[in-house]
Amino acid sequence: MSIPSSDIITAMEGLLSIAADTTRLKILYSIAKTEKCVSDIVKEVEASQSLVSHQIRVLKNANLLSSRKEGTRVYYALAD
């Protein structure tokens, strides 16, 4: 087995650093089976709304989450 290219190693490093946060992992588990809005995620992961919103932004920027808007609520799910 050969070592992957530098680009692949760098991408893996980024993904692992994102997964290294407890709150981000809880959020990913929270929405693994069904999409949820921020208020539902806040209750489930037992974290503040500002912390959850910040971590959702990090996960969205990493293309790990998708979102859809329904009225005033935004629902998040794992990206394909």
PDB file of N, CA and C in Angstrom:
ATOM      1  N   MET A   1       0.849  -1.177   0.000  1.00  0.00           N
ATOM      2  CA  MET A   1       0.000   0.000   0.000  1.00  0.00           C
ATOM      3  C   MET A   1       0.893   1.237   0.000  1.00  0.00           C
ATOM      4  N   SER A   2       0.573   2.191  -0.866  1.00  0.00           N
ATOM      5  CA  SER A   2       1.389   3.393  -0.961  1.00  0.00           C
ATOM      6  C   SER A   2       0.746   4.550  -0.196  1.00  0.00           C
ATOM      7  N   ILE A   3       1.541   5.518   0.154  1.00  0.00           N
ATOM      8  CA  ILE A   3       1.063   6.705   0.853  1.00  0.00           C
ATOM      9  C   ILE A   3       0.304   7.576  -0.145  1.00  0.00           C
ATOM     10  N   PRO A   4      -0.893   8.072   0.249  1.00  0.00           N
ATOM     11  CA  PRO A   4      -1.668   8.935  -0.655  1.00  0.00           C
ATOM     12  C   PRO A   4      -0.912  10.223  -0.979  1.00  0.00           C
ATOM     13  N   SER A   5      -1.390  10.900  -1.996  1.00  0.00           N
ATOM     14  CA  SER A   5      -0.773  12.162  -2.411  1.00  0.00           C
ATOM     15  C   SER A   5      -0.909  13.217  -1.305  1.00  0.00           C
ATOM     16  N   SER A   6      -0.121  14.267  -1.432  1.00  0.00           N
ATOM     17  CA  SER A   6      -0.160  15.361  -0.451  1.00  0.00           C
ATOM     18  C   SER A   6      -1.538  16.008  -0.393  1.00  0.00           C
ATOM     19  N   ASP A   7      -2.201  16.133  -1.537  1.00  0.00           N
ATOM     20  CA  ASP A   7      -3.543  16.724  -1.564  1.00  0.00           C
ATOM     21  C   ASP A   7      -4.530  15.888  -0.750  1.00  0.00           C
ATOM     22  N   ILE A   8      -4.461  14.592  -0.899  1.00  0.00           N
ATOM     23  CA  ILE A   8      -5.356  13.706  -0.159  1.00  0.00           C
ATOM     24  C   ILE A   8      -5.039  13.753   1.332  1.00  0.00           C
ATOM     25  N   ILE A   9      -3.769  13.746   1.671  1.00  0.00           N
ATOM     26  CA  ILE A   9      -3.362  13.823   3.079  1.00  0.00           C
ATOM     27  C   ILE A   9      -3.851  15.134   3.695  1.00  0.00           C
ATOM     28  N   THR A  10      -3.733  16.233   2.968  1.00  0.00           N
ATOM     29  CA  THR A  10      -4.184  17.532   3.465  1.00  0.00           C
ATOM     30  C   THR A  10      -5.695  17.541   3.665  1.00  0.00           C
ATOM     31  N   ALA A  11      -6.436  16.960   2.729  1.00  0.00           N
ATOM     32  CA  ALA A  11      -7.894  16.876   2.859  1.00  0.00           C
ATOM     33  C   ALA A  11      -8.274  16.020   4.066  1.00  0.00           C
ATOM     34  N   MET A  12      -7.586  14.925   4.271  1.00  0.00           N
ATOM     35  CA  MET A  12      -7.846  14.057   5.417  1.00  0.00           C
ATOM     36  C   MET A  12      -7.549  14.786   6.729  1.00  0.00           C
ATOM     37  N   GLU A  13      -6.475  15.542   6.749  1.00  0.00           N
ATOM     38  CA  GLU A  13      -6.111  16.307   7.939  1.00  0.00           C
ATOM     39  C   GLU A  13      -7.207  17.316   8.289  1.00  0.00           C
ATOM     40  N   GLY A  14      -7.727  17.988   7.284  1.00  0.00           N
ATOM     41  CA  GLY A  14      -8.803  18.950   7.510  1.00  0.00           C
ATOM     42  C   GLY A  14     -10.049  18.289   8.068  1.00  0.00           C
ATOM     43  N   LEU A  15     -10.425  17.151   7.505  1.00  0.00           N
ATOM     44  CA  LEU A  15     -11.599  16.424   7.972  1.00  0.00           C
ATOM     45  C   LEU A  15     -11.415  15.939   9.405  1.00  0.00           C
ATOM     46  N   LEU A  16     -10.245  15.424   9.700  1.00  0.00           N
ATOM     47  CA  LEU A  16      -9.984  14.949  11.061  1.00  0.00           C
ATOM     48  C   LEU A  16      -9.975  16.097  12.066  1.00  0.00           C
ATOM     49  N   SER A  17      -9.480  17.248  11.681  1.00  0.00           N
ATOM     50  CA  SER A  17      -9.484  18.388  12.609  1.00  0.00           C
ATOM     51  C   SER A  17     -10.906  18.872  12.865  1.00  0.00           C
ATOM     52  N   ILE A  18     -11.767  18.780  11.866  1.00  0.00           N
ATOM     53  CA  ILE A  18     -13.171  19.147  12.058  1.00  0.00           C
ATOM     54  C   ILE A  18     -13.847  18.155  12.994  1.00  0.00           C
ATOM     55  N   ALA A  19     -13.552  16.890  12.837  1.00  0.00           N
ATOM     56  CA  ALA A  19     -14.162  15.849  13.664  1.00  0.00           C
ATOM     57  C   ALA A  19     -13.567  15.796  15.068  1.00  0.00           C
ATOM     58  N   ALA A  20     -12.524  16.552  15.328  1.00  0.00           N
ATOM     59  CA  ALA A  20     -11.859  16.508  16.630  1.00  0.00           C
ATOM     60  C   ALA A  20     -12.577  17.331  17.695  1.00  0.00           C
ATOM     61  N   ASP A  21     -13.698  17.940  17.374  1.00  0.00           N
ATOM     62  CA  ASP A  21     -14.430  18.757  18.330  1.00  0.00           C
ATOM     63  C   ASP A  21     -15.661  18.000  18.826  1.00  0.00           C
ATOM     64  N   THR A  22     -15.825  17.938  20.137  1.00  0.00           N
ATOM     65  CA  THR A  22     -16.927  17.193  20.742  1.00  0.00           C
ATOM     66  C   THR A  22     -18.287  17.705  20.295  1.00  0.00           C
ATOM     67  N   THR A  23     -18.474  19.001  20.285  1.00  0.00           N
ATOM     68  CA  THR A  23     -19.773  19.558  19.902  1.00  0.00           C
ATOM     69  C   THR A  23     -20.095  19.253  18.449  1.00  0.00           C
ATOM     70  N   ARG A  24     -19.108  19.352  17.575  1.00  0.00           N
ATOM     71  CA  ARG A  24     -19.353  19.045  16.153  1.00  0.00           C
ATOM     72  C   ARG A  24     -19.730  17.576  15.975  1.00  0.00           C
ATOM     73  N   LEU A  25     -19.082  16.687  16.713  1.00  0.00           N
ATOM     74  CA  LEU A  25     -19.437  15.263  16.624  1.00  0.00           C
ATOM     75  C   LEU A  25     -20.861  15.023  17.130  1.00  0.00           C
ATOM     76  N   LYS A  26     -21.233  15.682  18.223  1.00  0.00           N
ATOM     77  CA  LYS A  26     -22.598  15.544  18.733  1.00  0.00           C
ATOM     78  C   LYS A  26     -23.616  16.032  17.718  1.00  0.00           C
ATOM     79  N   ILE A  27     -23.317  17.138  17.058  1.00  0.00           N
ATOM     80  CA  ILE A  27     -24.225  17.669  16.037  1.00  0.00           C
ATOM     81  C   ILE A  27     -24.369  16.669  14.893  1.00  0.00           C
ATOM     82  N   LEU A  28     -23.266  16.114  14.436  1.00  0.00           N
ATOM     83  CA  LEU A  28     -23.325  15.137  13.341  1.00  0.00           C
ATOM     84  C   LEU A  28     -24.149  13.915  13.738  1.00  0.00           C
ATOM     85  N   TYR A  29     -23.973  13.424  14.960  1.00  0.00           N
ATOM     86  CA  TYR A  29     -24.780  12.294  15.427  1.00  0.00           C
ATOM     87  C   TYR A  29     -26.247  12.691  15.560  1.00  0.00           C
ATOM     88  N   SER A  30     -26.498  13.908  16.010  1.00  0.00           N
ATOM     89  CA  SER A  30     -27.865  14.378  16.213  1.00  0.00           C
ATOM     90  C   SER A  30     -28.667  14.374  14.917  1.00  0.00           C
ATOM     91  N   ILE A  31     -28.031  14.732  13.823  1.00  0.00           N
ATOM     92  CA  ILE A  31     -28.760  14.823  12.544  1.00  0.00           C
ATOM     93  C   ILE A  31     -28.479  13.641  11.619  1.00  0.00           C
ATOM     94  N   ALA A  32     -27.854  12.616  12.143  1.00  0.00           N
ATOM     95  CA  ALA A  32     -27.481  11.470  11.302  1.00  0.00           C
ATOM     96  C   ALA A  32     -28.700  10.777  10.688  1.00  0.00           C
ATOM     97  N   LYS A  33     -29.794  10.677  11.420  1.00  0.00           N
ATOM     98  CA  LYS A  33     -30.954   9.942  10.918  1.00  0.00           C
ATOM     99  C   LYS A  33     -32.041  10.842  10.346  1.00  0.00           C
ATOM    100  N   THR A  34     -32.124  12.056  10.849  1.00  0.00           N
ATOM    101  CA  THR A  34     -33.175  12.962  10.382  1.00  0.00           C
ATOM    102  C   THR A  34     -32.713  14.406  10.492  1.00  0.00           C
ATOM    103  N   GLU A  35     -33.194  15.231   9.608  1.00  0.00           N
ATOM    104  CA  GLU A  35     -32.827  16.639   9.646  1.00  0.00           C
ATOM    105  C   GLU A  35     -33.445  17.305  10.871  1.00  0.00           C
ATOM    106  N   LYS A  36     -32.776  18.353  11.342  1.00  0.00           N
ATOM    107  CA  LYS A  36     -33.256  19.072  12.514  1.00  0.00           C
ATOM    108  C   LYS A  36     -32.938  20.547  12.373  1.00  0.00           C
ATOM    109  N   CYS A  37     -33.730  21.364  13.090  1.00  0.00           N
ATOM    110  CA  CYS A  37     -33.442  22.793  13.143  1.00  0.00           C
ATOM    111  C   CYS A  37     -32.514  23.056  14.330  1.00  0.00           C
ATOM    112  N   VAL A  38     -31.964  24.257  14.392  1.00  0.00           N
ATOM    113  CA  VAL A  38     -30.983  24.594  15.420  1.00  0.00           C
ATOM    114  C   VAL A  38     -31.556  24.404  16.819  1.00  0.00           C
ATOM    115  N   SER A  39     -32.790  24.823  17.047  1.00  0.00           N
ATOM    116  CA  SER A  39     -33.354  24.708  18.397  1.00  0.00           C
ATOM    117  C   SER A  39     -33.446  23.244  18.840  1.00  0.00           C
ATOM    118  N   ASP A  40     -33.754  22.338  17.920  1.00  0.00           N
ATOM    119  CA  ASP A  40     -33.784  20.914  18.261  1.00  0.00           C
ATOM    120  C   ASP A  40     -32.379  20.387  18.544  1.00  0.00           C
ATOM    121  N   ILE A  41     -31.420  20.830  17.758  1.00  0.00           N
ATOM    122  CA  ILE A  41     -30.032  20.403  17.957  1.00  0.00           C
ATOM    123  C   ILE A  41     -29.511  20.914  19.295  1.00  0.00           C
ATOM    124  N   VAL A  42     -29.836  22.168  19.631  1.00  0.00           N
ATOM    125  CA  VAL A  42     -29.399  22.762  20.903  1.00  0.00           C
ATOM    126  C   VAL A  42     -29.871  21.913  22.071  1.00  0.00           C
ATOM    127  N   LYS A  43     -31.134  21.506  22.042  1.00  0.00           N
ATOM    128  CA  LYS A  43     -31.686  20.676  23.126  1.00  0.00           C
ATOM    129  C   LYS A  43     -30.981  19.332  23.205  1.00  0.00           C
ATOM    130  N   GLU A  44     -30.753  18.734  22.046  1.00  0.00           N
ATOM    131  CA  GLU A  44     -30.183  17.393  22.031  1.00  0.00           C
ATOM    132  C   GLU A  44     -28.712  17.357  22.452  1.00  0.00           C
ATOM    133  N   VAL A  45     -27.930  18.318  22.003  1.00  0.00           N
ATOM    134  CA  VAL A  45     -26.494  18.298  22.324  1.00  0.00           C
ATOM    135  C   VAL A  45     -26.177  19.052  23.612  1.00  0.00           C
ATOM    136  N   GLU A  46     -27.202  19.704  24.183  1.00  0.00           N
ATOM    137  CA  GLU A  46     -27.056  20.431  25.441  1.00  0.00           C
ATOM    138  C   GLU A  46     -25.923  21.451  25.387  1.00  0.00           C
ATOM    139  N   ALA A  47     -26.031  22.326  24.402  1.00  0.00           N
ATOM    140  CA  ALA A  47     -25.056  23.404  24.219  1.00  0.00           C
ATOM    141  C   ALA A  47     -25.819  24.687  23.922  1.00  0.00           C
ATOM    142  N   SER A  48     -25.153  25.816  24.039  1.00  0.00           N
ATOM    143  CA  SER A  48     -25.813  27.095  23.778  1.00  0.00           C
ATOM    144  C   SER A  48     -26.117  27.242  22.289  1.00  0.00           C
ATOM    145  N   GLN A  49     -27.088  28.083  21.993  1.00  0.00           N
ATOM    146  CA  GLN A  49     -27.453  28.304  20.601  1.00  0.00           C
ATOM    147  C   GLN A  49     -26.302  28.919  19.820  1.00  0.00           C
ATOM    148  N   SER A  50     -25.577  29.850  20.451  1.00  0.00           N
ATOM    149  CA  SER A  50     -24.467  30.488  19.736  1.00  0.00           C
ATOM    150  C   SER A  50     -23.370  29.477  19.420  1.00  0.00           C
ATOM    151  N   LEU A  51     -23.082  28.556  20.342  1.00  0.00           N
ATOM    152  CA  LEU A  51     -22.059  27.539  20.092  1.00  0.00           C
ATOM    153  C   LEU A  51     -22.499  26.600  18.976  1.00  0.00           C
ATOM    154  N   VAL A  52     -23.737  26.147  19.031  1.00  0.00           N
ATOM    155  CA  VAL A  52     -24.254  25.235  18.000  1.00  0.00           C
ATOM    156  C   VAL A  52     -24.259  25.932  16.641  1.00  0.00           C
ATOM    157  N   SER A  53     -24.698  27.172  16.592  1.00  0.00           N
ATOM    158  CA  SER A  53     -24.723  27.908  15.322  1.00  0.00           C
ATOM    159  C   SER A  53     -23.325  28.055  14.742  1.00  0.00           C
ATOM    160  N   HIS A  54     -22.360  28.357  15.601  1.00  0.00           N
ATOM    161  CA  HIS A  54     -20.970  28.483  15.143  1.00  0.00           C
ATOM    162  C   HIS A  54     -20.466  27.151  14.588  1.00  0.00           C
ATOM    163  N   GLN A  55     -20.723  26.074  15.304  1.00  0.00           N
ATOM    164  CA  GLN A  55     -20.231  24.768  14.859  1.00  0.00           C
ATOM    165  C   GLN A  55     -20.938  24.309  13.596  1.00  0.00           C
ATOM    166  N   ILE A  56     -22.211  24.643  13.448  1.00  0.00           N
ATOM    167  CA  ILE A  56     -22.927  24.323  12.205  1.00  0.00           C
ATOM    168  C   ILE A  56     -22.285  25.066  11.041  1.00  0.00           C
ATOM    169  N   ARG A  57     -21.904  26.306  11.254  1.00  0.00           N
ATOM    170  CA  ARG A  57     -21.233  27.077  10.195  1.00  0.00           C
ATOM    171  C   ARG A  57     -19.930  26.394   9.783  1.00  0.00           C
ATOM    172  N   VAL A  58     -19.161  25.899  10.760  1.00  0.00           N
ATOM    173  CA  VAL A  58     -17.911  25.189  10.453  1.00  0.00           C
ATOM    174  C   VAL A  58     -18.209  23.930   9.637  1.00  0.00           C
ATOM    175  N   LEU A  59     -19.217  23.177  10.045  1.00  0.00           N
ATOM    176  CA  LEU A  59     -19.576  21.949   9.335  1.00  0.00           C
ATOM    177  C   LEU A  59     -20.104  22.242   7.931  1.00  0.00           C
ATOM    178  N   LYS A  60     -20.885  23.312   7.780  1.00  0.00           N
ATOM    179  CA  LYS A  60     -21.376  23.693   6.445  1.00  0.00           C
ATOM    180  C   LYS A  60     -20.231  24.119   5.535  1.00  0.00           C
ATOM    181  N   ASN A  61     -19.289  24.882   6.080  1.00  0.00           N
ATOM    182  CA  ASN A  61     -18.134  25.320   5.284  1.00  0.00           C
ATOM    183  C   ASN A  61     -17.277  24.145   4.843  1.00  0.00           C
ATOM    184  N   ALA A  62     -17.322  23.056   5.597  1.00  0.00           N
ATOM    185  CA  ALA A  62     -16.586  21.842   5.235  1.00  0.00           C
ATOM    186  C   ALA A  62     -17.414  20.932   4.323  1.00  0.00           C
ATOM    187  N   ASN A  63     -18.586  21.413   3.910  1.00  0.00           N
ATOM    188  CA  ASN A  63     -19.493  20.661   3.028  1.00  0.00           C
ATOM    189  C   ASN A  63     -19.972  19.348   3.644  1.00  0.00           C
ATOM    190  N   LEU A  64     -20.101  19.330   4.975  1.00  0.00           N
ATOM    191  CA  LEU A  64     -20.589  18.135   5.655  1.00  0.00           C
ATOM    192  C   LEU A  64     -22.094  18.209   5.932  1.00  0.00           C
ATOM    193  N   LEU A  65     -22.665  19.408   5.849  1.00  0.00           N
ATOM    194  CA  LEU A  65     -24.087  19.596   6.103  1.00  0.00           C
ATOM    195  C   LEU A  65     -24.768  20.242   4.906  1.00  0.00           C
ATOM    196  N   SER A  66     -26.018  19.893   4.744  1.00  0.00           N
ATOM    197  CA  SER A  66     -26.865  20.602   3.788  1.00  0.00           C
ATOM    198  C   SER A  66     -27.967  21.272   4.598  1.00  0.00           C
ATOM    199  N   SER A  67     -28.623  22.244   3.999  1.00  0.00           N
ATOM    200  CA  SER A  67     -29.684  22.945   4.717  1.00  0.00           C
ATOM    201  C   SER A  67     -30.826  23.268   3.763  1.00  0.00           C
ATOM    202  N   ARG A  68     -31.993  23.421   4.375  1.00  0.00           N
ATOM    203  CA  ARG A  68     -33.155  23.877   3.616  1.00  0.00           C
ATOM    204  C   ARG A  68     -33.968  24.769   4.534  1.00  0.00           C
ATOM    205  N   LYS A  69     -34.569  25.781   3.960  1.00  0.00           N
ATOM    206  CA  LYS A  69     -35.341  26.741   4.732  1.00  0.00           C
ATOM    207  C   LYS A  69     -36.821  26.442   4.581  1.00  0.00           C
ATOM    208  N   GLU A  70     -37.521  26.476   5.708  1.00  0.00           N
ATOM    209  CA  GLU A  70     -38.966  26.289   5.722  1.00  0.00           C
ATOM    210  C   GLU A  70     -39.542  27.390   6.602  1.00  0.00           C
ATOM    211  N   GLY A  71     -40.104  28.393   5.992  1.00  0.00           N
ATOM    212  CA  GLY A  71     -40.582  29.551   6.751  1.00  0.00           C
ATOM    213  C   GLY A  71     -39.391  30.290   7.349  1.00  0.00           C
ATOM    214  N   THR A  72     -39.409  30.441   8.658  1.00  0.00           N
ATOM    215  CA  THR A  72     -38.301  31.126   9.330  1.00  0.00           C
ATOM    216  C   THR A  72     -37.256  30.154   9.865  1.00  0.00           C
ATOM    217  N   ARG A  73     -37.513  28.877   9.754  1.00  0.00           N
ATOM    218  CA  ARG A  73     -36.582  27.867  10.282  1.00  0.00           C
ATOM    219  C   ARG A  73     -35.693  27.305   9.181  1.00  0.00           C
ATOM    220  N   VAL A  74     -34.473  26.966   9.576  1.00  0.00           N
ATOM    221  CA  VAL A  74     -33.535  26.298   8.675  1.00  0.00           C
ATOM    222  C   VAL A  74     -33.292  24.913   9.238  1.00  0.00           C
ATOM    223  N   TYR A  75     -33.451  23.900   8.392  1.00  0.00           N
ATOM    224  CA  TYR A  75     -33.243  22.526   8.797  1.00  0.00           C
ATOM    225  C   TYR A  75     -31.934  22.023   8.206  1.00  0.00           C
ATOM    226  N   TYR A  76     -31.170  21.316   9.037  1.00  0.00           N
ATOM    227  CA  TYR A  76     -29.858  20.808   8.640  1.00  0.00           C
ATOM    228  C   TYR A  76     -29.883  19.294   8.576  1.00  0.00           C
ATOM    229  N   ALA A  77     -29.134  18.769   7.611  1.00  0.00           N
ATOM    230  CA  ALA A  77     -29.000  17.317   7.433  1.00  0.00           C
ATOM    231  C   ALA A  77     -27.571  17.045   6.975  1.00  0.00           C
ATOM    232  N   LEU A  78     -27.181  15.787   7.071  1.00  0.00           N
ATOM    233  CA  LEU A  78     -25.867  15.416   6.552  1.00  0.00           C
ATOM    234  C   LEU A  78     -25.863  15.578   5.048  1.00  0.00           C
ATOM    235  N   ALA A  79     -24.801  16.109   4.525  1.00  0.00           N
ATOM    236  CA  ALA A  79     -24.664  16.278   3.078  1.00  0.00           C
ATOM    237  C   ALA A  79     -24.437  14.922   2.430  1.00  0.00           C
ATOM    238  N   ASP A  80     -24.837  14.806   1.182  1.00  0.00           N
ATOM    239  CA  ASP A  80     -24.611  13.561   0.432  1.00  0.00           C
ATOM    240  C   ASP A  80     -23.151  13.383   0.122  1.00  0.00           C
TER     241      ASP A  80
END
